[in-house]
Protein backbone atom coordinates (compact mmCIF):
# COMPACT_ATOMS: atom_id res chain seq x y z
CA MET A 1 55.79 39.73 -14.70
CA PRO A 2 58.05 36.64 -14.58
CA PRO A 3 58.11 34.27 -17.56
CA ILE A 4 55.65 31.39 -17.58
CA ASN A 5 57.26 27.96 -17.28
CA ASP A 6 56.15 24.34 -16.84
CA ASP A 7 56.91 24.08 -13.14
CA ILE A 8 54.25 23.54 -10.51
CA GLU A 9 52.99 27.06 -9.86
CA GLY A 10 55.11 28.90 -7.35
CA THR A 11 57.16 25.93 -6.15
CA GLY A 12 60.09 25.67 -8.55
CA ILE A 13 59.44 21.92 -8.91
CA MET A 14 59.89 20.67 -12.46
CA VAL A 15 58.26 17.43 -13.63
CA LYS A 16 60.43 15.67 -16.22
CA LEU A 17 57.93 12.99 -17.21
CA ASP A 18 58.12 13.82 -20.93
CA ASP A 19 61.85 13.21 -21.00
CA LEU A 20 61.55 9.88 -19.20
CA LEU A 21 58.71 8.69 -21.42
CA TYR A 22 60.68 9.61 -24.53
CA ALA A 23 63.79 7.83 -23.27
CA ARG A 24 61.76 4.70 -22.47
CA ARG A 25 59.80 4.87 -25.75
CA MET A 26 56.56 4.77 -23.78
CA THR A 27 53.38 6.76 -24.27
CA LEU A 28 51.48 8.52 -21.53
CA THR A 29 48.57 6.17 -22.20
CA GLN A 30 50.77 3.11 -21.68
CA LEU A 31 52.12 4.51 -18.43
CA ALA A 32 48.62 5.36 -17.20
CA GLU A 33 47.49 1.78 -17.80
CA ARG A 34 50.55 0.33 -16.06
CA VAL A 35 50.28 2.47 -12.93
CA GLY A 36 46.49 2.46 -12.69
CA LEU A 37 45.93 6.19 -13.10
CA THR A 38 43.56 7.97 -15.43
CA LEU A 39 45.14 9.56 -18.45
CA ALA A 40 43.71 12.91 -17.31
CA ASN A 41 45.41 12.74 -13.89
CA LEU A 42 48.72 11.68 -15.36
CA SER A 43 48.47 14.47 -17.91
CA ILE A 44 48.00 17.00 -15.09
CA LEU A 45 51.22 15.73 -13.53
CA LYS A 46 53.06 15.75 -16.87
CA THR A 47 52.13 19.35 -17.62
CA GLY A 48 53.27 20.52 -14.20
CA LYS A 49 49.79 21.54 -13.06
CA ALA A 50 49.59 19.04 -10.19
CA LYS A 51 49.72 20.54 -6.73
CA ALA A 52 50.75 17.28 -5.04
CA ILE A 53 51.64 13.67 -5.74
CA ARG A 54 51.11 10.68 -3.47
CA PHE A 55 54.17 8.65 -2.60
CA SER A 56 52.36 5.53 -3.83
CA THR A 57 51.82 7.19 -7.23
CA LEU A 58 55.42 8.36 -7.35
CA ALA A 59 56.61 4.85 -6.47
CA ALA A 60 54.42 3.27 -9.17
CA ILE A 61 55.70 5.68 -11.82
CA CYS A 62 59.31 5.08 -10.77
CA ARG A 63 58.73 1.31 -10.83
CA GLU A 64 57.35 1.36 -14.37
CA LEU A 65 59.92 3.83 -15.72
CA GLU A 66 62.77 2.17 -13.81
CA CYS A 67 63.92 5.48 -12.37
CA GLN A 68 64.42 7.30 -9.09
CA PRO A 69 62.16 10.13 -7.85
CA GLY A 70 65.00 12.56 -8.56
CA ASP A 71 64.91 11.50 -12.21
CA LEU A 72 61.26 12.54 -12.38
CA LEU A 73 61.30 15.68 -10.23
CA ALA A 74 63.77 18.53 -10.03
CA TYR A 75 63.94 21.77 -8.08
CA GLU A 76 64.77 24.88 -10.04
CA GLY A 77 65.38 27.80 -7.72
CA GLU A 78 65.12 31.43 -8.73
């Protein structure tokens, strides 16, 4: 059985939201308020359990964190 990791199950997509939040000295709660998402939904994204993300959500997160989508998401192949 392969090791368990924080990527979205079976896709190899890694969500680096923790790193960006730490670098910006921002909490998940603050980001949720700024982008208009529930803390629960943003937490699902942060933990890598999300199966999809809307472009509008991705754009809002990038706007608030002053980053590019590639800063938030990464592909880690096998």
